[in-house]
Amino acid sequence: MSQQQRSRGLADQVVVVIGASSGMGFETARRVRAEGGQVVMVGRNEERLERAAAQLKPLSSAAFDATDTDRVRAFFRDLPHPVDHVLSTAGAPSYAPLAEMDIDRTGRHFGERLAMTLSIAKYGRDKVRPGGTLLFIGGTGGRRPGVGLTAIAALTAALPALTANLALELAPVRVNLIAAGFVDTPLSATLLGSHLDERREELRATLPIRRVVGPGDVAELALHLMRNEAMTGATYDIDGGQQLL
């Protein structure tokens, strides 16, 4: 792709968004469409995905659980065309103190999250054009030790190392990681329940940016990483300064 083509942004490019039904994935897909790009939308819940697809008019959509590596392989194998970028927002954090931890379930969660990332990389690489990017969403919350953060801290540490190594293995396809703090999404609402408003107010009062990070903030960073072909193998934090507190 020439410099002139890159200057057009994402117009005429194709982006696969895994986790496109809501939150960061949906907002990224929406912004790609607004720039004239095309999207392929993937989500776990068929009903939610259909509602989201009705708004964005994607090239296609597919409902499956991205932790099912056989489905991931079949999805990329059956794509009828190459794509420019793949974004995966799939995966939820796992919090539990050791005394209350279900070891088998935690082990499955950890293994499934790593296997999902590896399967998207392995089976998606041949569908992504050179210079395009595989882009994953991780987090920053597990960087500071705390009770109940044992599993998520290990995963938080693993994903940047995985990203850097994949960037070498998959070159010239680029691989990057967005590490987000609290983002005001439907998933956050599910995790916090009745404590959501309290958390929002706390962040508005304490974050250096004096507001809560939203899906649009993450989507804007995702689009920047898609556009800028000099960026690969790195982790990009977006938490409104939460780590500084």
Protein backbone atom coordinates (compact mmCIF):
# COMPACT_ATOMS: atom_id res chain seq x y z
CA MET A 1 0.00 0.00 0.00
CA SER A 2 1.41 3.38 -1.02
CA GLN A 3 1.73 6.46 1.16
CA GLN A 4 -1.10 8.03 -0.83
CA GLN A 5 -3.35 5.05 -0.07
CA ARG A 6 -2.47 5.20 3.64
CA SER A 7 -3.32 8.88 3.75
CA ARG A 8 -6.92 8.03 2.99
CA GLY A 9 -7.27 6.43 6.40
CA LEU A 10 -9.44 3.35 6.46
CA ALA A 11 -11.51 4.10 3.38
CA ASP A 12 -11.98 0.93 1.33
CA GLN A 13 -10.18 -1.20 3.93
CA VAL A 14 -11.73 -4.28 5.54
CA VAL A 15 -11.57 -4.77 9.30
CA VAL A 16 -12.61 -7.92 11.16
CA VAL A 17 -13.91 -7.05 14.62
CA ILE A 18 -14.21 -9.94 17.08
CA GLY A 19 -16.44 -8.80 19.92
CA ALA A 20 -18.37 -6.39 17.69
CA SER A 21 -21.77 -6.63 19.35
CA SER A 22 -21.23 -3.86 21.90
CA GLY A 23 -18.73 -1.71 23.75
CA MET A 24 -15.25 -1.16 22.35
CA GLY A 25 -15.72 -3.56 19.45
CA PHE A 26 -18.98 -2.03 18.27
CA GLU A 27 -17.64 1.51 18.56
CA THR A 28 -14.52 0.61 16.60
CA ALA A 29 -16.61 -1.03 13.89
CA ARG A 30 -18.88 2.03 13.77
CA ARG A 31 -15.93 4.38 13.29
CA VAL A 32 -14.43 2.20 10.57
CA ARG A 33 -17.74 2.40 8.72
CA ALA A 34 -17.87 6.17 9.26
CA GLU A 35 -14.45 6.46 7.56
CA GLY A 36 -15.66 4.52 4.55
CA GLY A 37 -14.21 1.15 5.55
CA GLN A 38 -15.93 -2.22 5.59
CA VAL A 39 -16.29 -4.51 8.58
CA VAL A 40 -16.81 -8.18 9.27
CA MET A 41 -18.52 -8.48 12.64
CA VAL A 42 -18.06 -11.41 15.02
CA GLY A 43 -19.87 -11.86 18.32
CA ARG A 44 -20.74 -14.64 20.72
CA ASN A 45 -24.42 -13.78 21.16
CA GLU A 46 -26.31 -14.14 17.89
CA GLU A 47 -29.22 -11.89 18.86
CA ARG A 48 -27.01 -9.01 20.01
CA LEU A 49 -24.82 -9.41 16.94
CA GLU A 50 -27.82 -9.20 14.63
CA ARG A 51 -28.96 -5.97 16.29
CA ALA A 52 -25.49 -4.46 15.97
CA ALA A 53 -25.14 -5.59 12.36
CA ALA A 54 -28.48 -4.02 11.47
CA GLN A 55 -27.02 -0.65 12.45
CA LEU A 56 -23.67 -0.94 10.65
CA LYS A 57 -24.46 -3.00 7.54
CA PRO A 58 -21.25 -5.08 7.57
CA LEU A 59 -19.88 -7.15 4.73
CA SER A 60 -20.83 -10.16 6.81
CA SER A 61 -21.26 -11.33 10.39
CA ALA A 62 -20.64 -14.57 12.26
CA ALA A 63 -21.83 -15.66 15.69
CA PHE A 64 -19.49 -17.93 17.64
CA ASP A 65 -17.41 -18.07 20.82
CA ALA A 66 -13.87 -16.94 20.01
CA THR A 67 -12.46 -19.26 22.68
CA ASP A 68 -13.48 -22.14 20.39
CA THR A 69 -10.27 -22.44 18.39
CA ASP A 70 -11.88 -24.76 15.82
CA ARG A 71 -14.48 -22.08 15.06
CA VAL A 72 -11.78 -19.44 14.80
CA ARG A 73 -9.87 -21.59 12.32
CA ALA A 74 -13.00 -22.25 10.24
CA PHE A 75 -13.97 -18.57 10.28
CA PHE A 76 -10.67 -17.36 8.85
CA ARG A 77 -10.43 -20.30 6.43
CA ASP A 78 -13.86 -19.47 5.00
CA LEU A 79 -13.36 -15.71 4.64
CA PRO A 80 -13.81 -15.15 0.90
CA HIS A 81 -11.41 -12.20 0.74
CA PRO A 82 -8.26 -10.84 2.40
CA VAL A 83 -8.65 -8.24 5.15
CA ASP A 84 -6.61 -5.25 6.27
CA HIS A 85 -6.93 -5.54 10.05
CA VAL A 86 -8.28 -7.77 12.80
CA LEU A 87 -9.34 -6.43 16.19
CA SER A 88 -10.25 -8.75 19.05
CA THR A 89 -11.94 -7.36 22.14
CA ALA A 90 -13.16 -10.80 23.22
CA GLY A 91 -12.51 -12.05 26.75
CA ALA A 92 -13.56 -11.00 30.23
CA PRO A 93 -11.34 -10.60 33.32
CA SER A 94 -11.35 -13.14 36.12
CA TYR A 95 -11.17 -11.87 39.72
CA ALA A 96 -11.03 -14.04 42.85
CA PRO A 97 -8.87 -14.28 45.98
CA LEU A 98 -6.95 -17.52 46.19
CA ALA A 99 -9.04 -18.80 49.11
CA GLU A 100 -12.20 -18.58 46.98
CA MET A 101 -10.68 -19.49 43.63
CA ASP A 102 -11.98 -22.41 41.61
CA ILE A 103 -8.60 -23.60 40.35
CA ASP A 104 -9.94 -25.67 37.47
CA ARG A 105 -12.19 -22.87 36.19
CA THR A 106 -9.44 -20.27 36.58
CA GLY A 107 -6.99 -22.50 34.73
CA ARG A 108 -9.48 -22.98 31.91
CA HIS A 109 -10.10 -19.24 31.69
CA PHE A 110 -6.38 -18.46 31.57
CA GLY A 111 -5.65 -21.13 29.00
CA GLU A 112 -8.64 -20.22 26.84
CA ARG A 113 -7.63 -16.56 26.74
CA LEU A 114 -4.09 -17.36 25.63
CA ALA A 115 -5.29 -20.01 23.17
CA MET A 116 -7.80 -17.55 21.70
CA THR A 117 -5.07 -14.98 21.09
CA LEU A 118 -2.79 -17.58 19.54
CA SER A 119 -5.54 -19.01 17.33
CA ILE A 120 -6.49 -15.58 15.97
CA ALA A 121 -2.81 -14.99 15.22
CA LYS A 122 -2.20 -18.40 13.65
CA TYR A 123 -5.33 -18.66 11.55
CA GLY A 124 -5.74 -14.97 10.78
CA ARG A 125 -2.21 -14.27 9.59
CA ASP A 126 -2.73 -15.53 6.04
CA LYS A 127 -5.86 -13.40 5.61
CA VAL A 128 -4.26 -10.11 6.71
CA ARG A 129 -2.41 -8.07 4.11
CA PRO A 130 1.26 -7.16 4.72
CA GLY A 131 1.37 -4.02 6.83
CA GLY A 132 -2.05 -4.70 8.28
CA THR A 133 -2.45 -5.40 11.96
CA LEU A 134 -3.70 -7.94 14.44
CA LEU A 135 -4.83 -5.89 17.40
CA PHE A 136 -5.74 -7.31 20.81
CA ILE A 137 -7.28 -5.76 23.91
CA GLY A 138 -5.70 -6.40 27.31
CA GLY A 139 -5.71 -4.45 30.54
CA THR A 140 -3.66 -2.49 33.06
CA GLY A 141 -5.54 -3.38 36.25
CA GLY A 142 -3.42 -6.40 37.09
CA ARG A 143 -0.09 -4.57 37.06
CA ARG A 144 -0.41 -3.52 40.68
CA PRO A 145 -0.53 -6.48 43.12
CA GLY A 146 -3.70 -6.92 45.12
CA VAL A 147 -5.93 -9.50 46.75
CA GLY A 148 -8.11 -11.12 44.11
CA LEU A 149 -5.85 -10.07 41.22
CA THR A 150 -3.59 -13.12 41.05
CA ALA A 151 -4.99 -14.62 37.84
CA ILE A 152 -5.64 -11.35 36.02
CA ALA A 153 -2.16 -10.09 36.97
CA ALA A 154 -0.56 -13.15 35.36
CA LEU A 155 -2.58 -12.64 32.18
CA THR A 156 -1.82 -8.91 32.17
CA ALA A 157 1.90 -9.75 32.25
CA ALA A 158 1.63 -12.48 29.61
CA LEU A 159 -0.13 -10.57 26.83
CA PRO A 160 2.58 -7.93 26.15
CA ALA A 161 5.23 -10.65 25.86
CA LEU A 162 2.95 -12.65 23.58
CA THR A 163 2.33 -9.56 21.43
CA ALA A 164 6.03 -8.77 21.02
CA ASN A 165 6.90 -12.31 19.98
CA LEU A 166 3.98 -12.57 17.57
CA ALA A 167 5.08 -9.32 15.92
CA LEU A 168 8.35 -11.03 14.97
CA GLU A 169 6.78 -14.29 13.88
CA LEU A 170 4.02 -12.74 11.79
CA ALA A 171 5.96 -9.88 10.17
CA PRO A 172 5.22 -8.04 7.94
CA VAL A 173 1.76 -8.33 9.48
CA ARG A 174 1.85 -6.10 12.55
CA VAL A 175 0.71 -7.15 16.04
CA ASN A 176 -0.19 -4.70 18.80
CA LEU A 177 -1.90 -4.69 22.18
CA ILE A 178 -4.15 -2.06 23.73
CA ALA A 179 -4.00 -2.19 27.53
CA ALA A 180 -7.11 -0.49 28.87
CA GLY A 181 -7.99 0.53 32.38
CA PHE A 182 -11.63 0.91 33.38
CA VAL A 183 -13.74 1.53 30.28
CA ASP A 184 -17.42 2.37 30.63
CA THR A 185 -18.91 -0.52 28.65
CA PRO A 186 -21.79 -2.98 29.08
CA LEU A 187 -19.23 -5.52 30.34
CA SER A 188 -18.15 -3.12 33.09
CA ALA A 189 -21.79 -2.63 34.02
CA THR A 190 -22.24 -6.40 34.29
CA LEU A 191 -19.13 -6.83 36.44
CA LEU A 192 -19.88 -3.94 38.82
CA GLY A 193 -23.66 -4.16 38.98
CA SER A 194 -25.06 -1.74 41.53
CA HIS A 195 -21.58 -0.32 42.20
CA LEU A 196 -21.20 1.06 38.65
CA ASP A 197 -22.27 4.64 39.40
CA GLU A 198 -20.07 4.72 42.49
CA ARG A 199 -17.07 3.64 40.41
CA ARG A 200 -17.81 6.24 37.74
CA GLU A 201 -17.96 9.03 40.31
CA GLU A 202 -14.74 7.87 41.93
CA LEU A 203 -12.92 7.93 38.60
CA ARG A 204 -14.30 11.33 37.62
CA ALA A 205 -13.00 12.73 40.89
CA THR A 206 -9.57 11.09 40.86
CA LEU A 207 -8.38 10.48 37.29
CA PRO A 208 -6.05 13.15 35.90
CA ILE A 209 -8.35 13.49 32.86
CA ARG A 210 -11.34 14.10 35.21
CA ARG A 211 -13.65 11.85 33.25
CA VAL A 212 -14.26 8.18 32.62
CA VAL A 213 -12.64 6.46 29.64
CA GLY A 214 -15.26 5.35 27.14
CA PRO A 215 -15.42 2.96 24.19
CA GLY A 216 -14.80 5.85 21.80
CA ASP A 217 -11.43 6.57 23.39
CA VAL A 218 -10.31 2.99 22.84
CA ALA A 219 -11.75 2.93 19.32
CA GLU A 220 -9.78 6.04 18.39
CA LEU A 221 -6.55 4.41 19.57
CA ALA A 222 -7.41 1.22 17.68
CA LEU A 223 -7.93 3.15 14.44
CA HIS A 224 -4.65 5.00 14.94
CA LEU A 225 -2.79 1.70 15.30
CA MET A 226 -4.45 0.42 12.14
CA ARG A 227 -3.47 3.51 10.17
CA ASN A 228 0.13 3.87 11.36
CA GLU A 229 2.20 1.16 9.71
CA ALA A 230 5.32 1.94 11.77
CA MET A 231 3.77 0.54 14.95
CA THR A 232 4.17 -3.12 15.87
CA GLY A 233 5.07 -5.38 18.77
CA ALA A 234 4.11 -2.90 21.49
CA THR A 235 1.55 -2.34 24.23
CA TYR A 236 -0.33 0.95 24.30
CA ASP A 237 -1.95 2.00 27.59
CA ILE A 238 -5.22 3.87 27.73
CA ASP A 239 -6.53 4.38 31.25
CA GLY A 240 -6.91 8.12 31.77
CA GLY A 241 -3.93 8.10 34.13
CA GLN A 242 -5.37 5.45 36.44
CA GLN A 243 -1.96 3.83 36.92
CA LEU A 244 -0.56 7.06 38.31
CA LEU A 245 -2.83 7.05 41.33
